[in-house]
Amino acid sequence: MAEPSRRYLAEHIYLPRYVREQGATKVLDAISNEDEVFFRPVWMQAGFRFTPQMFVVDNGDLHIGILSLPMPQESPEAYVFAAVGHAKQPQYLRCFLLEQGSGVAAEIMKMLGQAPPEDAGTPTVLGEWDGTTHRNHGAGPSFTGDFVADVSAFVTAVAKVCNARG
């Protein structure tokens, strides 16, 4: 089995760990202030430079901090990261990724002689890191390349998972 890519290590290992170490308040403040220097230790540990796009979206009591990620080259590298805090629970912190899916469904459709919808976008998985545990919340919203629309769909999916479990 191949070694994980530097992007994978940054997104799935270093970033969630760093976010947990810093805590929800510091992380969401850094994202809100678009403080790219705050996240530099993650990219340095992974061995590359990167400046993410950042913003916070409020969804009810949830504060969802969004970081763009380097474009994935292979599954399960990710497109976007979300750090989720809660207005009434200062210790609340969840970390989500919109991961590149394997495209298996599209390949199966092709084998069956069916054309996948052209506007379906790239299949994704909604993943969550809780300490060293990775949770797969199933199919995420497709990645279409329209950053605003893709992030909006990702935020909706993250809020749905958070609101379902509290």
Protein backbone atom coordinates (compact mmCIF):
# COMPACT_ATOMS: atom_id res chain seq x y z
CA MET A 1 0.00 0.00 0.00
CA ALA A 2 1.29 3.45 -0.90
CA GLU A 3 2.27 5.97 1.74
CA PRO A 4 -0.30 8.72 2.38
CA SER A 5 0.28 11.94 0.45
CA ARG A 6 1.41 15.12 2.18
CA ARG A 7 -2.00 16.62 1.41
CA TYR A 8 -3.71 13.68 3.09
CA LEU A 9 -1.49 13.98 6.17
CA ALA A 10 -2.16 17.72 6.43
CA GLU A 11 -5.94 17.40 6.00
CA HIS A 12 -6.67 14.20 7.90
CA ILE A 13 -4.02 14.08 10.60
CA TYR A 14 -2.24 17.38 11.28
CA LEU A 15 -5.13 19.82 10.78
CA PRO A 16 -7.72 18.04 12.98
CA ARG A 17 -5.10 17.49 15.69
CA TYR A 18 -3.97 21.14 15.54
CA VAL A 19 -7.57 22.37 15.67
CA ARG A 20 -8.29 20.21 18.74
CA GLU A 21 -5.12 21.45 20.46
CA GLN A 22 -6.04 25.10 19.82
CA GLY A 23 -9.73 24.81 20.72
CA ALA A 24 -12.90 26.05 19.07
CA THR A 25 -12.66 29.70 20.12
CA LYS A 26 -9.11 30.26 18.86
CA VAL A 27 -9.71 28.35 15.62
CA LEU A 28 -12.99 30.07 14.76
CA ASP A 29 -11.49 33.48 15.61
CA ALA A 30 -8.53 32.77 13.32
CA ILE A 31 -10.83 31.70 10.49
CA SER A 32 -13.13 34.68 11.04
CA ASN A 33 -10.12 37.02 10.90
CA GLU A 34 -8.71 35.17 7.86
CA ASP A 35 -5.48 34.65 9.81
CA GLU A 36 -3.59 32.35 7.47
CA VAL A 37 -0.50 32.54 9.71
CA PHE A 38 -2.45 30.71 12.44
CA PHE A 39 -2.66 27.60 10.23
CA ARG A 40 0.88 27.78 8.85
CA PRO A 41 2.22 25.16 11.34
CA VAL A 42 -0.07 22.57 9.74
CA TRP A 43 1.24 23.15 6.22
CA MET A 44 4.84 23.36 7.46
CA GLN A 45 4.49 20.03 9.26
CA ALA A 46 3.19 18.51 6.03
CA GLY A 47 6.09 20.00 4.09
CA PHE A 48 4.39 22.47 1.77
CA ARG A 49 3.06 26.03 1.60
CA PHE A 50 -0.62 26.79 1.29
CA THR A 51 -2.89 29.78 1.86
CA PRO A 52 -6.50 28.69 2.35
CA GLN A 53 -9.64 30.66 1.71
CA MET A 54 -11.41 31.11 5.06
CA PHE A 55 -14.75 32.25 6.37
CA VAL A 56 -17.27 31.48 9.10
CA VAL A 57 -20.93 30.67 8.49
CA ASP A 58 -23.48 30.77 11.30
CA ASN A 59 -26.20 28.14 11.12
CA GLY A 60 -28.46 28.53 14.14
CA ASP A 61 -26.24 27.99 17.19
CA LEU A 62 -23.49 26.42 15.07
CA HIS A 63 -20.45 28.43 14.00
CA ILE A 64 -18.92 26.66 11.00
CA GLY A 65 -15.40 27.76 10.10
CA ILE A 66 -14.44 26.85 6.55
CA LEU A 67 -10.92 26.33 5.16
CA SER A 68 -10.29 25.54 1.52
CA LEU A 69 -7.69 22.82 0.98
CA PRO A 70 -5.23 22.03 -1.79
CA MET A 71 -7.00 20.40 -4.74
CA PRO A 72 -7.10 16.65 -4.11
CA GLN A 73 -5.13 14.42 -6.43
CA GLU A 74 -6.52 11.11 -5.18
CA SER A 75 -9.15 9.64 -2.90
CA PRO A 76 -9.56 10.32 0.07
CA GLU A 77 -7.82 13.71 -0.06
CA ALA A 78 -10.26 16.51 0.67
CA TYR A 79 -11.58 19.71 -0.92
CA VAL A 80 -12.76 21.59 2.18
CA PHE A 81 -12.38 21.44 5.98
CA ALA A 82 -14.92 22.63 8.55
CA ALA A 83 -14.34 23.33 12.23
CA VAL A 84 -17.69 23.52 14.01
CA GLY A 85 -18.31 25.31 17.29
CA HIS A 86 -21.51 25.93 19.23
CA ALA A 87 -22.71 29.27 20.61
CA LYS A 88 -24.02 27.76 23.87
CA GLN A 89 -21.30 25.13 24.38
CA PRO A 90 -17.79 26.65 24.32
CA GLN A 91 -16.07 23.22 24.42
CA TYR A 92 -18.07 21.91 21.45
CA LEU A 93 -15.77 21.23 18.49
CA ARG A 94 -16.21 18.94 15.50
CA CYS A 95 -13.96 18.59 12.45
CA PHE A 96 -15.34 17.66 9.02
CA LEU A 97 -13.86 17.09 5.57
CA LEU A 98 -15.45 16.98 2.15
CA GLU A 99 -13.36 14.12 0.81
CA GLN A 100 -12.85 13.11 -2.78
CA GLY A 101 -14.79 9.91 -3.39
CA SER A 102 -13.51 6.99 -5.37
CA GLY A 103 -15.89 7.42 -8.29
CA VAL A 104 -16.93 3.76 -7.99
CA ALA A 105 -20.60 4.54 -8.65
CA ALA A 106 -19.75 6.36 -11.89
CA GLU A 107 -17.52 3.47 -12.97
CA ILE A 108 -20.29 0.94 -12.27
CA MET A 109 -22.74 3.02 -14.34
CA LYS A 110 -20.24 3.05 -17.22
CA MET A 111 -19.80 -0.75 -16.98
CA LEU A 112 -23.57 -1.11 -17.18
CA GLY A 113 -23.60 1.05 -20.29
CA GLN A 114 -25.22 3.97 -18.48
CA ALA A 115 -23.85 7.49 -18.64
CA PRO A 116 -23.56 9.25 -15.28
CA PRO A 117 -25.21 12.68 -15.31
CA GLU A 118 -22.81 15.28 -16.71
CA ASP A 119 -23.70 17.80 -14.03
CA ALA A 120 -23.32 15.29 -11.19
CA GLY A 121 -19.88 16.61 -10.27
CA THR A 122 -17.22 14.55 -8.55
CA PRO A 123 -18.52 12.11 -5.93
CA THR A 124 -17.52 12.91 -2.36
CA VAL A 125 -17.66 11.54 1.16
CA LEU A 126 -18.57 13.55 4.26
CA GLY A 127 -15.89 12.57 6.76
CA GLU A 128 -15.36 13.59 10.37
CA TRP A 129 -12.32 13.29 12.62
CA ASP A 130 -12.89 12.86 16.35
CA GLY A 131 -9.48 12.42 17.92
CA THR A 132 -7.98 9.45 16.09
CA THR A 133 -11.35 8.15 14.92
CA HIS A 134 -12.54 8.79 11.37
CA ARG A 135 -16.29 8.71 10.85
CA ASN A 136 -17.78 8.32 7.40
CA HIS A 137 -21.17 10.06 7.22
CA GLY A 138 -21.84 8.71 3.73
CA ALA A 139 -21.98 10.54 0.43
CA GLY A 140 -21.28 14.23 0.64
CA PRO A 141 -22.47 16.85 -1.81
CA SER A 142 -20.82 16.51 -5.22
CA PHE A 143 -17.85 18.70 -6.00
CA THR A 144 -18.73 20.76 -9.07
CA GLY A 145 -15.87 23.27 -9.06
CA ASP A 146 -18.19 26.17 -8.14
CA PHE A 147 -16.56 26.97 -4.78
CA VAL A 148 -19.46 29.01 -3.39
CA ALA A 149 -22.09 26.41 -4.31
CA ASP A 150 -19.90 23.49 -3.21
CA VAL A 151 -19.15 25.08 0.18
CA SER A 152 -22.79 26.01 0.67
CA ALA A 153 -23.83 22.38 0.08
CA PHE A 154 -21.01 21.20 2.40
CA VAL A 155 -22.11 23.58 5.18
CA THR A 156 -25.69 22.32 4.83
CA ALA A 157 -24.52 18.69 5.09
CA VAL A 158 -22.30 19.43 8.11
CA ALA A 159 -25.09 21.30 9.91
CA LYS A 160 -27.49 18.42 9.26
CA VAL A 161 -25.05 15.92 10.84
CA CYS A 162 -24.34 18.21 13.81
CA ASN A 163 -28.01 18.95 14.43
CA ALA A 164 -28.92 15.26 14.20
CA ARG A 165 -26.48 14.32 16.98
CA GLY A 166 -26.27 17.58 18.86
